[in-house]
């Protein structure tokens, strides 16, 4: 437990997980063996325990009112932690300072790339996201982005909001939610949404396909092969990596197709009939890349989608693959489309 005076107190469970009972607690200490003192960050201590360097032992990352983030490496064991020195997290090679102060860290893999990232609250009631540009065992930070809700940066109050984020699956839907507390004396719930989600399927769950040419679950409407084409992704949704690719499978071998992006979902995500399929991604539409499907009917993007489309962190955009089906298409229109795919972009 972090204390307002700057120290941290550990209360050990001396019973069971199902019926915990805690001892009287003791202050966490730092220093060489035989010469330890209480850990003291000045004021407003917010501790986070994580195996920072991947050595199998939980370390301590501490937030504080001065906006710095202190790192106490555990040189003992999880059962008997031994903190000997204090270090500071850095940003762009210099000591990190969370804007406005009152750092409140949460360590987690935000973008799903297998590396621990940093979320933190601050005195202004915001939530800041620092993507890890290093490795999981040696994180490197080079800047932050504001965490948003429905495209709008989160802020508890314009002044002295003092945010403290907690991540958990509060709603039990398998997605990570954000609980945010602070000087408002309330707990604010921001429900997590899937970063990549499929919609507007030609399997009868959306608008009916134009000539009863249903595809299998999750696909677009059926083409001349007897099944529908499906749009998916590889890589992560992090703009900074430029690694996300769109992949269409089940299209027609040797036929040309077009990957495109929209900023809205057509007819609320149910789509409109177009050719032998359903148009799902709409609004302001942008052509991304023309690709010829290979001998298996697969096609994928080779461009940096985020750079090409000019998306920003927090943007939600919608994608689809339009492809030719020139011989024997079910509705005789000569072209078809995959399902739609929504992507929520991260920094």
Protein backbone atom coordinates (compact mmCIF):
# COMPACT_ATOMS: atom_id res chain seq x y z
CA UNK A 1 0.00 0.00 0.00
CA UNK A 2 1.33 3.42 -0.98
CA UNK A 3 0.99 6.14 1.63
CA UNK A 4 0.50 9.88 1.32
CA UNK A 5 3.68 10.46 3.33
CA UNK A 6 5.71 8.80 0.55
CA UNK A 7 6.37 5.44 2.16
CA UNK A 8 4.91 2.02 1.27
CA UNK A 9 3.58 -0.59 3.68
CA UNK A 10 3.18 -4.29 2.91
CA UNK A 11 0.44 -6.29 4.62
CA UNK A 12 1.09 -10.03 4.22
CA UNK A 13 -1.74 -12.54 3.90
CA UNK A 14 -1.17 -15.08 6.68
CA UNK A 15 -4.25 -17.18 5.87
CA UNK A 16 -5.62 -18.34 2.49
CA UNK A 17 -6.58 -16.71 -0.80
CA UNK A 18 -10.24 -17.57 -0.28
CA UNK A 19 -10.30 -16.26 3.29
CA UNK A 20 -7.39 -13.79 3.63
CA UNK A 21 -6.15 -12.46 6.96
CA UNK A 22 -3.44 -9.82 7.01
CA UNK A 23 -0.68 -9.15 9.52
CA UNK A 24 0.07 -5.71 10.97
CA UNK A 25 2.29 -4.85 8.02
CA UNK A 26 5.78 -3.46 7.64
CA UNK A 27 7.37 -0.64 5.68
CA UNK A 28 9.24 -1.57 2.50
CA UNK A 29 12.94 -0.77 2.72
CA UNK A 30 15.85 -0.09 0.40
CA UNK A 31 19.60 -0.15 0.88
CA UNK A 32 22.48 -2.57 1.36
CA UNK A 33 22.07 -5.50 3.73
CA UNK A 34 22.40 -4.28 7.31
CA UNK A 35 21.88 -0.63 6.41
CA UNK A 36 18.35 -0.34 5.05
CA UNK A 37 15.96 2.58 5.36
CA UNK A 38 12.26 2.95 4.57
CA UNK A 39 11.50 3.58 0.92
CA UNK A 40 10.33 7.20 0.70
CA UNK A 41 9.34 8.92 -2.57
CA UNK A 42 8.44 12.21 -0.90
CA UNK A 43 4.65 12.07 -1.01
CA UNK A 44 1.74 10.29 -2.72
CA UNK A 45 3.41 6.91 -3.19
CA UNK A 46 1.67 4.73 -5.83
CA UNK A 47 3.39 1.31 -6.04
CA UNK A 48 3.22 -1.21 -8.89
CA UNK A 49 4.81 -4.66 -8.59
CA UNK A 50 6.07 -6.27 -11.79
CA UNK A 51 9.00 -8.39 -12.96
CA UNK A 52 10.57 -5.43 -14.74
CA UNK A 53 13.76 -7.14 -15.96
CA UNK A 54 12.31 -10.64 -16.53
CA UNK A 55 14.57 -12.32 -13.98
CA UNK A 56 11.69 -14.17 -12.33
CA UNK A 57 11.39 -11.80 -9.34
CA UNK A 58 8.83 -9.06 -8.75
CA UNK A 59 10.32 -5.58 -8.72
CA UNK A 60 8.79 -2.31 -7.52
CA UNK A 61 7.93 0.66 -9.75
CA UNK A 62 6.86 3.68 -7.68
CA UNK A 63 4.89 6.74 -8.71
CA UNK A 64 4.97 9.94 -6.67
CA UNK A 65 3.81 13.54 -6.47
CA UNK A 66 7.00 14.79 -8.18
CA UNK A 67 6.06 12.95 -11.40
CA UNK A 68 9.13 10.70 -11.39
CA UNK A 69 8.99 6.92 -11.62
CA UNK A 70 11.39 5.06 -9.38
CA UNK A 71 12.58 1.50 -10.02
CA UNK A 72 13.58 -0.77 -7.15
CA UNK A 73 15.10 -4.00 -8.46
CA UNK A 74 14.40 -7.05 -6.32
CA UNK A 75 17.66 -8.85 -5.53
CA UNK A 76 16.01 -11.29 -3.14
CA UNK A 77 12.99 -13.49 -3.81
CA UNK A 78 9.28 -12.92 -4.21
CA UNK A 79 8.78 -14.26 -0.69
CA UNK A 80 11.55 -12.08 0.75
CA UNK A 81 12.16 -9.07 -1.46
CA UNK A 82 15.50 -7.30 -1.17
CA UNK A 83 15.64 -3.78 -2.64
CA UNK A 84 19.17 -2.36 -2.52
CA UNK A 85 19.25 0.66 -4.84
CA UNK A 86 16.82 3.06 -6.43
CA UNK A 87 16.93 3.88 -10.15
CA UNK A 88 14.69 6.08 -12.28
CA UNK A 89 12.78 5.26 -15.45
CA UNK A 90 13.92 7.29 -18.42
CA UNK A 91 12.35 8.81 -21.52
CA UNK A 92 14.45 9.68 -24.57
CA UNK A 93 17.55 8.89 -22.54
CA UNK A 94 16.71 11.34 -19.75
CA UNK A 95 14.96 10.92 -16.43
CA UNK A 96 11.22 10.54 -17.02
CA UNK A 97 8.89 13.15 -15.61
CA UNK A 98 5.14 12.58 -15.99
CA UNK A 99 3.55 15.91 -17.03
CA UNK A 100 1.87 17.78 -14.13
CA UNK A 101 3.22 15.27 -11.60
CA UNK A 102 1.50 12.66 -9.42
CA UNK A 103 2.61 9.67 -11.47
CA UNK A 104 0.46 6.57 -10.87
CA UNK A 105 1.90 3.66 -12.88
CA UNK A 106 0.29 0.55 -14.33
CA UNK A 107 2.61 -1.86 -16.16
CA UNK A 108 0.98 -3.99 -18.86
CA UNK A 109 1.30 -4.99 -22.53
CA UNK A 110 -1.13 -2.45 -23.99
CA UNK A 111 -0.65 -3.10 -27.72
CA UNK A 112 -0.25 -6.89 -27.64
CA UNK A 113 3.29 -6.96 -29.01
CA UNK A 114 4.70 -9.02 -26.12
CA UNK A 115 6.47 -6.09 -24.44
CA UNK A 116 5.44 -4.40 -21.20
CA UNK A 117 4.24 -0.81 -21.66
CA UNK A 118 3.51 1.95 -19.17
CA UNK A 119 0.20 3.59 -18.33
CA UNK A 120 0.11 6.36 -15.74
CA UNK A 121 -2.26 8.88 -14.28
CA UNK A 122 -1.23 12.44 -13.41
CA UNK A 123 -2.33 15.50 -11.47
CA UNK A 124 -4.38 16.80 -14.41
CA UNK A 125 -6.68 13.77 -14.35
CA UNK A 126 -5.35 12.29 -17.58
CA UNK A 127 -4.17 8.81 -18.48
CA UNK A 128 -0.92 8.66 -20.44
CA UNK A 129 0.34 5.73 -22.50
CA UNK A 130 4.08 5.22 -23.00
CA UNK A 131 4.65 2.45 -25.61
CA UNK A 132 7.73 0.31 -25.04
CA UNK A 133 10.23 0.82 -27.87
CA UNK A 134 12.79 -1.56 -26.35
CA UNK A 135 12.39 -5.18 -25.27
CA UNK A 136 10.23 -6.80 -22.64
CA UNK A 137 13.26 -7.29 -20.38
CA UNK A 138 14.71 -3.80 -21.01
CA UNK A 139 11.90 -1.30 -21.72
CA UNK A 140 12.67 1.93 -23.58
CA UNK A 141 10.27 4.90 -23.72
CA UNK A 142 10.39 7.75 -26.23
CA UNK A 143 7.15 9.61 -25.60
CA UNK A 144 3.52 9.23 -24.67
CA UNK A 145 0.00 9.56 -26.03
CA UNK A 146 -3.21 10.49 -24.22
CA UNK A 147 -5.55 7.55 -23.63
CA UNK A 148 -8.92 8.25 -25.22
CA UNK A 149 -12.53 7.14 -24.82
CA UNK A 150 -14.67 7.29 -27.99
CA UNK A 151 -11.87 9.32 -29.58
CA UNK A 152 -11.82 11.97 -26.84
CA UNK A 153 -8.83 12.17 -24.42
CA UNK A 154 -9.80 11.03 -20.93
CA UNK A 155 -9.67 13.66 -18.20
CA UNK A 156 -11.33 13.48 -14.77
CA UNK A 157 -11.40 17.24 -14.24
CA UNK A 158 -9.75 20.23 -15.93
CA UNK A 159 -7.73 21.05 -12.83
CA UNK A 160 -6.39 18.86 -10.03
CA UNK A 161 -8.19 15.80 -11.35
CA UNK A 162 -5.48 13.49 -10.01
CA UNK A 163 -6.08 10.23 -11.85
CA UNK A 164 -5.14 6.75 -10.66
CA UNK A 165 -5.76 4.02 -13.29
CA UNK A 166 -6.51 0.35 -12.54
CA UNK A 167 -6.94 -2.30 -15.25
CA UNK A 168 -9.16 -5.36 -14.90
CA UNK A 169 -12.00 -7.20 -16.65
CA UNK A 170 -14.69 -5.45 -14.61
CA UNK A 171 -17.58 -6.43 -16.89
CA UNK A 172 -16.56 -10.07 -17.31
CA UNK A 173 -16.60 -9.99 -21.12
CA UNK A 174 -12.98 -11.04 -21.57
CA UNK A 175 -11.80 -7.51 -22.42
CA UNK A 176 -9.67 -5.22 -20.29
CA UNK A 177 -11.55 -2.31 -18.72
CA UNK A 178 -10.14 0.85 -17.15
CA UNK A 179 -11.17 1.94 -13.65
CA UNK A 180 -10.11 5.48 -12.86
CA UNK A 181 -10.12 7.08 -9.44
CA UNK A 182 -8.84 10.41 -8.21
CA UNK A 183 -9.76 13.60 -6.43
CA UNK A 184 -13.31 13.36 -7.80
CA UNK A 185 -13.88 10.74 -5.06
CA UNK A 186 -15.66 8.57 -7.62
CA UNK A 187 -14.70 5.48 -9.58
CA UNK A 188 -15.09 5.93 -13.33
CA UNK A 189 -15.48 2.86 -15.56
CA UNK A 190 -14.23 2.94 -19.15
CA UNK A 191 -15.22 -0.32 -20.83
CA UNK A 192 -12.69 -2.00 -23.06
CA UNK A 193 -13.48 -2.66 -26.69
CA UNK A 194 -11.81 -5.04 -29.11
CA UNK A 195 -8.95 -3.38 -30.98
CA UNK A 196 -9.80 -5.49 -34.05
CA UNK A 197 -13.34 -6.67 -34.65
CA UNK A 198 -15.16 -8.28 -37.56
CA UNK A 199 -18.63 -7.15 -38.61
CA UNK A 200 -21.11 -7.17 -41.51
CA UNK A 201 -20.81 -10.87 -42.34
CA UNK A 202 -22.35 -12.51 -45.36
CA UNK A 203 -23.52 -15.48 -43.29
CA UNK A 204 -27.04 -14.20 -42.66
CA UNK A 205 -26.24 -12.29 -39.45
CA UNK A 206 -26.27 -8.93 -41.26
CA UNK A 207 -28.17 -7.86 -44.39
CA UNK A 208 -29.10 -10.88 -46.58
CA UNK A 209 -26.72 -11.56 -49.44
CA UNK A 210 -28.09 -10.44 -52.84
CA UNK A 211 -29.00 -13.86 -54.28
CA UNK A 212 -29.08 -16.02 -51.15
CA UNK A 213 -25.36 -16.67 -51.64
CA UNK A 214 -24.53 -17.04 -47.96
CA UNK A 215 -20.95 -17.53 -46.86
CA UNK A 216 -19.74 -19.48 -43.85
CA UNK A 217 -19.77 -17.78 -40.40
CA UNK A 218 -17.53 -14.69 -40.34
CA UNK A 219 -17.03 -14.57 -44.13
CA UNK A 220 -18.41 -12.31 -46.81
CA UNK A 221 -21.11 -13.48 -49.21
CA UNK A 222 -20.27 -16.62 -51.21
CA UNK A 223 -18.37 -16.28 -54.48
CA UNK A 224 -17.89 -18.67 -57.41
CA UNK A 225 -15.78 -20.98 -55.24
CA UNK A 226 -18.86 -21.74 -53.12
CA UNK A 227 -17.64 -19.94 -50.01
CA UNK A 228 -17.03 -16.35 -49.03
CA UNK A 229 -13.80 -14.38 -48.68
CA UNK A 230 -12.64 -13.37 -45.20
CA UNK A 231 -10.67 -10.32 -44.07
CA UNK A 232 -8.27 -10.54 -41.10
CA UNK A 233 -4.97 -8.97 -39.97
CA UNK A 234 -1.42 -9.75 -38.96
CA UNK A 235 0.82 -7.58 -36.79
CA UNK A 236 -0.24 -5.08 -34.12
CA UNK A 237 -2.49 -2.02 -34.17
CA UNK A 238 0.34 0.23 -32.98
CA UNK A 239 0.88 3.10 -35.43
CA UNK A 240 4.50 3.43 -34.41
CA UNK A 241 5.45 -0.05 -35.59
CA UNK A 242 3.84 0.22 -39.03
CA UNK A 243 3.50 -3.56 -38.99
CA UNK A 244 -0.24 -4.17 -39.30
CA UNK A 245 -1.28 -5.83 -42.55
CA UNK A 246 -4.70 -6.67 -43.94
CA UNK A 247 -5.07 -10.23 -45.23
CA UNK A 248 -7.92 -11.53 -47.41
CA UNK A 249 -8.41 -15.26 -47.89
CA UNK A 250 -10.96 -17.16 -49.97
CA UNK A 251 -10.95 -14.67 -52.86
CA UNK A 252 -10.57 -15.79 -56.48
CA UNK A 253 -7.06 -16.91 -57.52
CA UNK A 254 -5.40 -14.57 -60.02
CA UNK A 255 -8.14 -11.95 -59.74
CA UNK A 256 -7.50 -8.29 -58.83
CA UNK A 257 -8.80 -6.78 -55.61
CA UNK A 258 -8.72 -3.50 -53.70
CA UNK A 259 -8.16 -2.95 -49.99
CA UNK A 260 -9.95 0.20 -48.82
CA UNK A 261 -10.68 2.12 -45.62
CA UNK A 262 -13.74 4.01 -44.41
CA UNK A 263 -14.35 6.16 -41.36
CA UNK A 264 -17.84 4.74 -40.80
CA UNK A 265 -19.90 1.58 -40.96
CA UNK A 266 -22.55 1.35 -43.66
CA UNK A 267 -26.14 1.04 -42.36
CA UNK A 268 -24.98 0.71 -38.79
CA UNK A 269 -22.70 -2.19 -39.67
CA UNK A 270 -25.30 -4.28 -41.50
CA UNK A 271 -24.09 -3.16 -44.93
CA UNK A 272 -25.72 -2.49 -48.28
CA UNK A 273 -25.87 -4.82 -51.27
CA UNK A 274 -23.06 -4.18 -53.76
CA UNK A 275 -22.32 -6.65 -56.56
CA UNK A 276 -22.44 -10.17 -55.18
CA UNK A 277 -21.66 -8.99 -51.66
CA UNK A 278 -22.21 -6.34 -48.98
CA UNK A 279 -20.57 -2.94 -48.73
CA UNK A 280 -19.64 -2.60 -45.06
CA UNK A 281 -16.98 0.15 -44.74
CA UNK A 282 -18.20 3.61 -45.75
CA UNK A 283 -18.19 7.32 -45.01
CA UNK A 284 -15.04 8.95 -46.31
CA UNK A 285 -13.53 6.06 -48.26
CA UNK A 286 -9.83 5.81 -49.11
CA UNK A 287 -8.18 3.40 -51.54
CA UNK A 288 -5.26 1.66 -49.85
CA UNK A 289 -3.73 -0.88 -52.22
CA UNK A 290 -4.56 -2.94 -55.32
CA UNK A 291 -3.44 -6.57 -54.99
CA UNK A 292 -3.77 -9.68 -57.17
CA UNK A 293 -4.81 -12.79 -55.23
CA UNK A 294 -2.36 -15.70 -55.34
CA UNK A 295 -3.11 -19.26 -56.44
CA UNK A 296 -4.88 -19.97 -53.14
CA UNK A 297 -7.09 -16.87 -53.34
CA UNK A 298 -5.12 -14.99 -50.66
CA UNK A 299 -4.08 -11.35 -50.85
CA UNK A 300 -2.38 -9.05 -48.37
CA UNK A 301 -1.27 -5.45 -48.03
CA UNK A 302 2.41 -4.53 -48.23
CA UNK A 303 2.13 -0.84 -47.30
CA UNK A 304 2.22 0.97 -43.95
CA UNK A 305 -1.56 1.30 -43.61
CA UNK A 306 -1.50 3.87 -40.81
CA UNK A 307 0.90 6.13 -42.71
CA UNK A 308 -0.99 5.75 -45.98
CA UNK A 309 -4.35 6.53 -44.37
CA UNK A 310 -3.12 9.21 -41.96
CA UNK A 311 -4.74 7.64 -38.89
CA UNK A 312 -4.03 8.98 -35.40
CA UNK A 313 -3.95 7.22 -32.01
CA UNK A 314 -7.49 6.57 -30.83
CA UNK A 315 -8.97 6.57 -34.35
CA UNK A 316 -11.34 3.73 -35.26
CA UNK A 317 -11.37 2.93 -38.96
CA UNK A 318 -13.14 0.28 -41.01
CA UNK A 319 -11.67 -1.93 -43.74
CA UNK A 320 -12.79 -4.23 -46.52
CA UNK A 321 -11.48 -6.03 -49.60
CA UNK A 322 -13.28 -5.64 -52.95
CA UNK A 323 -12.33 -8.34 -55.47
CA UNK A 324 -13.24 -9.46 -58.98
CA UNK A 325 -15.10 -12.73 -59.57
CA UNK A 326 -15.37 -12.61 -63.33
CA UNK A 327 -16.42 -16.17 -64.18
CA UNK A 328 -19.48 -17.82 -62.65
CA UNK A 329 -20.17 -15.40 -59.82
CA UNK A 330 -23.37 -16.45 -58.01
CA UNK A 331 -25.35 -13.28 -58.78
CA UNK A 332 -23.64 -12.64 -62.16
CA UNK A 333 -22.28 -9.23 -61.08
CA UNK A 334 -18.62 -10.16 -61.48
CA UNK A 335 -17.34 -8.85 -58.15
CA UNK A 336 -17.72 -9.42 -54.42
CA UNK A 337 -16.48 -8.23 -51.01
CA UNK A 338 -15.19 -9.68 -47.77
CA UNK A 339 -16.65 -9.04 -44.35
CA UNK A 340 -15.84 -5.70 -42.76
CA UNK A 341 -13.08 -5.22 -40.19
CA UNK A 342 -12.85 -2.47 -37.57
CA UNK A 343 -9.51 -1.39 -36.13
CA UNK A 344 -8.93 0.82 -33.09
CA UNK A 345 -5.46 2.33 -33.60
CA UNK A 346 -2.89 2.70 -30.83
CA UNK A 347 0.19 5.00 -30.81
